[in-house]
Protein backbone atom coordinates (compact mmCIF):
# COMPACT_ATOMS: atom_id res chain seq x y z
CA MET A 1 -27.29 -19.41 65.37
CA ASP A 2 -23.76 -20.08 66.65
CA ILE A 3 -21.06 -17.99 64.89
CA LYS A 4 -17.39 -18.21 65.83
CA GLN A 5 -14.00 -17.21 64.47
CA VAL A 6 -11.63 -20.07 63.65
CA ARG A 7 -8.29 -18.64 62.51
CA ASP A 8 -9.16 -16.37 59.57
CA ILE A 9 -12.48 -18.09 58.87
CA THR A 10 -15.90 -17.20 60.24
CA VAL A 11 -17.57 -20.52 61.03
CA ILE A 12 -21.36 -20.75 61.25
CA ASP A 13 -23.17 -23.71 62.78
CA PHE A 14 -25.37 -24.43 59.75
CA ASP A 15 -27.14 -27.62 60.89
CA ASP A 16 -26.47 -30.78 62.91
CA LYS A 17 -23.89 -32.08 60.46
CA ARG A 18 -22.41 -29.08 58.63
CA TYR A 19 -20.62 -25.77 59.09
CA LEU A 20 -20.62 -22.81 56.74
CA GLY A 21 -17.26 -21.05 56.41
CA ILE A 22 -16.61 -17.49 55.24
CA SER A 23 -13.19 -16.19 54.20
CA CYS A 24 -12.13 -12.72 53.01
CA ASP A 25 -9.13 -11.10 51.38
CA SER A 26 -8.21 -7.72 49.93
CA CYS A 27 -5.66 -6.43 47.45
CA GLY A 28 -4.61 -2.88 46.62
CA GLY A 29 -1.86 -1.13 44.69
CA ILE A 30 -0.99 -4.14 42.53
CA GLY A 31 -1.99 -4.05 38.87
CA THR A 32 -1.62 -1.91 35.77
CA LYS A 33 -3.11 1.42 36.82
CA GLU A 34 -1.14 4.66 37.09
CA HIS A 35 -0.59 4.59 40.85
CA ASP A 36 -0.17 0.84 41.34
CA VAL A 37 3.04 0.26 43.31
CA VAL A 38 3.66 -3.25 41.95
CA LYS A 39 3.03 -3.67 38.24
CA ALA A 40 1.47 -7.04 37.44
CA SER A 41 -1.08 -8.44 35.03
CA LEU A 42 -4.65 -8.01 36.23
CA HIS A 43 -5.35 -11.66 35.50
CA LEU A 44 -2.54 -12.70 37.87
CA VAL A 45 -3.66 -10.23 40.57
CA ALA A 46 -7.20 -11.60 40.63
CA TYR A 47 -6.03 -15.20 40.36
CA GLN A 48 -3.72 -14.92 43.37
CA THR A 49 -6.22 -12.92 45.45
CA GLY A 50 -8.95 -15.46 44.75
CA LYS A 51 -6.52 -18.25 45.59
CA VAL A 52 -5.95 -16.81 49.07
CA ALA A 53 -9.61 -16.89 50.10
CA LEU A 54 -10.20 -20.29 48.51
CA ALA A 55 -7.06 -21.73 50.14
CA GLU A 56 -8.17 -20.53 53.58
CA LEU A 57 -11.41 -22.48 53.22
CA LEU A 58 -9.79 -25.61 51.78
CA SER A 59 -7.18 -25.63 54.54
CA LEU A 60 -9.85 -25.94 57.23
CA GLY A 61 -11.74 -28.63 55.32
CA PHE A 62 -14.39 -26.49 53.61
CA SER A 63 -15.55 -27.06 50.04
CA PRO A 64 -16.05 -23.56 48.52
CA PHE A 65 -19.19 -22.82 46.51
CA LEU A 66 -19.28 -19.01 46.14
CA LEU A 67 -16.77 -16.22 45.44
CA ALA A 68 -17.97 -12.60 45.60
CA ASP A 69 -15.70 -9.79 44.40
CA GLY A 70 -16.00 -6.09 45.25
CA LEU A 71 -13.91 -4.36 42.59
CA ALA A 72 -13.05 -0.69 43.16
CA VAL A 73 -12.35 -0.29 39.44
CA GLU A 74 -14.38 0.17 36.25
CA MET A 75 -15.79 -2.87 34.45
CA ASP A 76 -14.36 -1.84 31.06
CA ASP A 77 -11.68 -2.97 30.98
CA THR A 78 -9.90 -3.44 34.32
CA GLY A 79 -12.86 -5.26 35.86
CA ASN A 80 -13.21 -7.62 32.91
CA GLN A 81 -9.57 -8.65 33.21
CA LEU A 82 -9.85 -9.22 36.95
CA ILE A 83 -13.02 -11.27 36.51
CA ALA A 84 -11.18 -13.44 33.97
CA GLY A 85 -8.55 -14.14 36.64
CA PHE A 86 -11.22 -15.12 39.19
CA ARG A 87 -12.88 -17.40 36.65
CA ASP A 88 -9.54 -19.04 35.94
CA VAL A 89 -8.71 -19.83 39.58
CA ILE A 90 -12.13 -21.30 40.39
CA SER A 91 -12.05 -23.37 37.19
CA ARG A 92 -8.92 -25.16 38.45
CA LEU A 93 -10.82 -26.81 41.32
CA LYS A 94 -11.78 -30.36 40.45
CA THR A 95 -14.00 -31.16 43.45
CA ALA A 96 -15.97 -27.91 43.85
CA LYS A 97 -18.19 -25.83 41.58
CA VAL A 98 -17.83 -22.19 42.65
CA HIS A 99 -20.31 -19.50 41.64
CA LEU A 100 -18.83 -16.04 40.91
CA THR A 101 -20.65 -12.78 41.64
CA GLY A 102 -19.58 -9.20 42.37
CA SER A 103 -19.67 -5.49 41.64
CA THR A 104 -17.54 -2.74 40.05
CA GLU A 105 -17.10 1.04 40.47
CA GLU A 106 -18.80 2.92 37.63
CA ASN A 107 -19.29 6.34 39.25
CA ILE A 108 -15.77 7.52 40.12
CA PRO A 109 -12.64 7.23 37.93
CA THR A 110 -9.93 5.23 39.74
CA VAL A 111 -6.14 5.45 39.42
CA GLN A 112 -5.16 2.42 41.53
CA THR A 113 -6.30 -1.21 41.44
CA SER A 114 -8.21 -2.22 44.56
CA MET A 115 -10.55 -5.02 45.52
CA GLY A 116 -12.03 -7.09 48.32
CA ILE A 117 -13.34 -10.63 47.98
CA THR A 118 -15.40 -13.04 50.06
CA CYS A 119 -15.67 -16.82 49.69
CA ILE A 120 -18.21 -19.16 51.26
CA GLY A 121 -17.85 -22.91 51.69
CA ILE A 122 -19.39 -25.85 53.52
CA CYS A 123 -17.80 -28.56 55.64
CA GLU A 124 -19.00 -31.73 57.36
CA LYS A 125 -18.42 -31.20 61.08
CA ASP A 126 -16.30 -34.33 61.43
CA LYS A 127 -14.05 -33.18 58.55
CA LEU A 128 -13.05 -29.83 60.08
CA LYS A 129 -9.22 -29.66 60.15
CA TYR A 130 -8.89 -27.79 63.42
CA LYS A 131 -7.25 -28.72 66.74
CA LYS A 132 -6.00 -32.01 65.28
CA THR A 133 -2.30 -31.51 66.09
CA ARG A 134 -0.64 -33.68 68.73
CA ALA A 135 2.81 -33.84 70.38
CA GLY A 136 5.15 -35.79 68.10
CA HIS A 137 3.57 -34.55 64.87
CA VAL A 138 5.94 -32.71 62.55
CA CYS A 139 5.34 -29.44 60.74
CA MET A 140 6.37 -28.94 57.12
CA LEU A 141 6.47 -25.72 55.15
CA LEU A 142 5.25 -26.37 51.62
CA GLY A 143 6.12 -23.69 49.06
CA LEU A 144 8.17 -20.57 49.79
CA PRO A 145 7.09 -17.31 51.48
CA LEU A 146 7.16 -14.75 48.65
CA VAL A 147 5.48 -11.40 48.09
CA GLY A 148 5.21 -8.68 45.44
CA ASN A 149 7.38 -9.09 42.34
CA ASP A 150 8.85 -12.34 43.70
CA VAL A 151 5.43 -13.95 43.29
CA VAL A 152 5.33 -12.88 39.65
CA ASN A 153 8.86 -14.16 38.97
CA ASN A 154 8.75 -17.52 40.81
CA PRO A 155 5.55 -19.42 39.93
CA ASP A 156 7.38 -22.75 40.34
CA LYS A 157 8.14 -22.03 44.00
CA ILE A 158 4.68 -21.11 45.29
CA LEU A 159 1.61 -23.19 46.04
CA ASP A 160 -1.16 -23.00 43.46
CA ILE A 161 -4.84 -23.64 44.05
CA GLU A 162 -4.45 -27.21 42.74
CA ASP A 163 -1.84 -27.86 45.44
CA PHE A 164 -4.21 -26.68 48.16
CA GLU A 165 -6.96 -28.91 46.80
CA ILE A 166 -4.63 -31.93 46.78
CA LEU A 167 -3.67 -31.27 50.40
CA TYR A 168 -7.33 -30.68 51.34
CA LEU A 169 -8.21 -34.12 49.95
CA SER A 170 -5.29 -35.95 51.55
CA ASN A 171 -5.81 -37.92 54.77
CA LEU A 172 -2.07 -37.55 55.45
CA ILE A 173 -2.57 -33.94 56.59
CA LYS A 174 -3.82 -33.41 60.14
CA GLU A 175 -4.01 -29.61 59.89
CA MET A 176 -3.09 -26.97 57.29
CA LEU A 177 -2.44 -23.28 57.74
CA PRO A 178 -1.64 -20.93 54.81
CA VAL A 179 1.09 -18.42 55.61
CA GLY A 180 0.03 -14.79 55.21
CA SER A 181 1.61 -11.40 55.68
CA ARG A 182 2.64 -12.08 59.32
CA GLY A 183 5.10 -14.78 58.27
CA THR A 184 5.69 -18.45 59.05
CA GLU A 185 6.70 -18.06 62.69
CA ALA A 186 3.58 -16.09 63.62
CA GLU A 187 1.29 -18.63 61.96
CA LEU A 188 3.10 -21.51 63.68
CA LYS A 189 2.75 -19.79 67.06
CA ASP A 190 -1.01 -19.60 66.50
CA LEU A 191 -1.07 -23.28 65.58
CA CYS A 192 0.72 -24.11 68.84
CA LYS A 193 -1.48 -21.81 70.90
CA TYR A 194 -4.86 -23.25 69.99
CA ASN A 195 -3.52 -26.81 70.22
CA ASN A 196 -1.89 -26.01 73.59
CA LEU A 197 1.50 -27.28 72.41
CA GLY A 198 5.10 -26.13 72.18
CA PHE A 199 7.40 -26.48 69.18
CA ALA A 200 10.99 -27.65 68.75
CA TYR A 201 12.55 -26.13 65.64
CA ASN A 202 15.08 -28.05 63.58
CA GLU A 203 18.52 -26.48 63.31
CA ASN A 204 19.84 -24.61 60.25
CA LEU A 205 16.51 -23.87 58.62
CA SER A 206 16.83 -22.28 55.18
CA VAL A 207 13.56 -20.34 55.22
CA ASP A 208 13.11 -16.84 56.68
CA LEU A 209 10.45 -17.43 59.34
CA THR A 210 9.49 -13.75 59.49
CA HIS A 211 9.05 -13.12 55.76
CA SER A 212 5.55 -12.47 54.46
CA GLY A 213 3.89 -15.41 52.76
CA GLY A 214 2.19 -13.03 50.32
CA PRO A 215 -0.88 -14.48 48.60
CA SER A 216 -0.74 -17.87 50.38
CA CYS A 217 2.45 -18.78 48.54
CA CYS A 218 3.23 -21.39 51.19
CA CYS A 219 1.44 -23.44 53.80
CA LEU A 220 2.15 -25.13 57.12
CA ALA A 221 1.20 -28.80 57.08
CA VAL A 222 0.95 -31.00 60.17
CA LEU A 223 1.56 -34.72 59.71
CA GLU A 224 3.08 -37.83 61.21
CA GLU A 225 6.85 -38.05 60.79
CA GLU A 226 6.72 -41.28 58.80
CA LYS A 227 4.50 -39.58 56.19
CA ILE A 228 7.02 -36.87 55.22
CA ASP A 229 8.14 -38.51 51.97
CA GLU A 230 4.55 -39.19 50.91
CA VAL A 231 3.56 -35.56 51.46
CA LYS A 232 6.57 -34.34 49.48
CA LYS A 233 5.30 -36.36 46.54
CA LEU A 234 1.85 -34.76 46.78
CA VAL A 235 3.09 -31.24 46.05
CA LYS A 236 5.96 -30.70 43.62
CA LYS A 237 7.10 -27.45 45.22
CA PRO A 238 9.95 -26.58 47.63
CA SER A 239 9.40 -28.04 51.10
CA GLU A 240 11.17 -28.04 54.45
CA VAL A 241 10.51 -29.80 57.75
CA LEU A 242 10.54 -27.07 60.39
CA GLY A 243 10.51 -29.29 63.47
CA HIS A 244 8.06 -31.15 65.69
CA PHE A 245 5.38 -30.34 68.24
CA VAL A 246 6.00 -31.02 71.92
CA ASP A 247 3.95 -30.95 75.09
CA LYS A 248 3.73 -27.46 76.54
CA GLN A 249 6.07 -26.93 79.49
């Protein structure tokens, strides 16, 4: 069995026509417990954490079918509230039915919210959105890189799971790459590296390229220049064209 790492996804050669994809994410210190650093509703914490792992799969072309949560909290009542958040985020997907499973900590009292999640999806091999970028394509940042309390306070400025599904379904998008804790610039460098390309940034960009993207609050999208206006209409969130890809010198 051939297993390889593609960006943040473990890709398994399932059969002649399909890949399995596995994504993971973790979250700690955000919630309603005594020692949580950022206070936020448990529903929101689980929703955004689940969104990250689902978005990673969708961005590479995978249709998710399972979400497994490992909750380092008690079921009653922290776990129940987190599970409600997971159920909410998977219910928003219109093209995938995702099964939810998991476990909680019932032996040791906990004073901080903590969890790890794993998602599994499947993708037709010819639909994998990887190494599809060419010189001349442009790169847009959709959504804004936000983290912590800024995520809680600016829901209209971040990508939601429905946005990722819309982009996943669109044939306008050559490649997608959610921005994580390393920031936009680091993710874009990776995109250039595995496509063996350089990048010419536009002048006077408004976004901080080094700021953490938090729970996949924004996403890099690769497209043809003439499709910019069409892509802006797909996602009603802040967007900015960062520049265009060039042949590596």
